[in-house]
Structure formats: C-alpha cells, structure tokens
Amino acid sequence: MIYDKGKIFLGLAIFVALVASPFWYNPVFGTGKTAPPEPKLPKTATLCVLPKAQMRAGHMQVIYDWRETVVRGGGRMYRHPDGVEREMSLSNTCLKCHEGKKEFCNTCHTYLAVKPFCWDCHFDPKEQA
C-alpha cells in the first residue's frame, strides 16, 4: 500500500518536467529562430582572401593554416584564387579591413558563444591606439 500516492506522482511529474525542460522550453515558450548577426563589413575593401561564404564558414581554418605556414614554414604570402597576393597576417591583412573587433569579430563570436584565442597573442586593434 502506497501512502500519499498523489503527492509522489506529482513530485515525479515535476521532476520529469524539470529534467526535460531543455528540450521542451524553447519550442513551447521560445520566440523562434533568432536572426544571425550581420557583422559590420568594411566599406573600402571589396576583395577578401576568400569569398564571403567560405570566410564565414572557415575563417578559423584559414587563420590556423596561415599561422602554421608563417610560424612553422616561414611562408609569408598567400595567393588569392584571383591571383592577388596578400601577406598572411592577422594584424596586417585581416585587421587592415576589419579594424572594428567589437563590431566585426565580437558580433558573431558573442552570438555563437565562441571565445577565440586570437587576442591571446595579438593586440586588440583598439589597444594599439
């Protein structure tokens, strides 16, 4: 014989609802999809090292590959698919156009909850001023 059967089942129902809340909360109470951020793009530059879609999806791999090439291999120049050569440098190439770390880098990284380690070695462009 189970005493307080109602209280036990109510407690179990509350427990299951709380444990499963990460799965049902957003579909029930969420406002739907949030729009992806649109980082502030440079107005002066028209050509990046790769097309926008590729840079959005794989810029970290590009930066990682450049770092390995420069630090381990000693190479400094990158040839754009269109034939234009660029220096493989976060500070001298990327930040030349994308100078607003807060408006450019942080917009997406904050949205995705990503904490890049670029600034562990490189100076924040605002810090240099």
Foldseek 3Di string as FASTA:
>chain_A
DDPPVVVVVVVVVVVVCVVCCVPVVCVVPNPDDDDQDDFDFFPPDDDALADPVCCVVPVVVLLVVLCCCCVVVVDFWDQRPVGDIDGSDCVPGVCVGVVPCVRHVVSRCVVVVHDDCPCVPDPRSVVVD
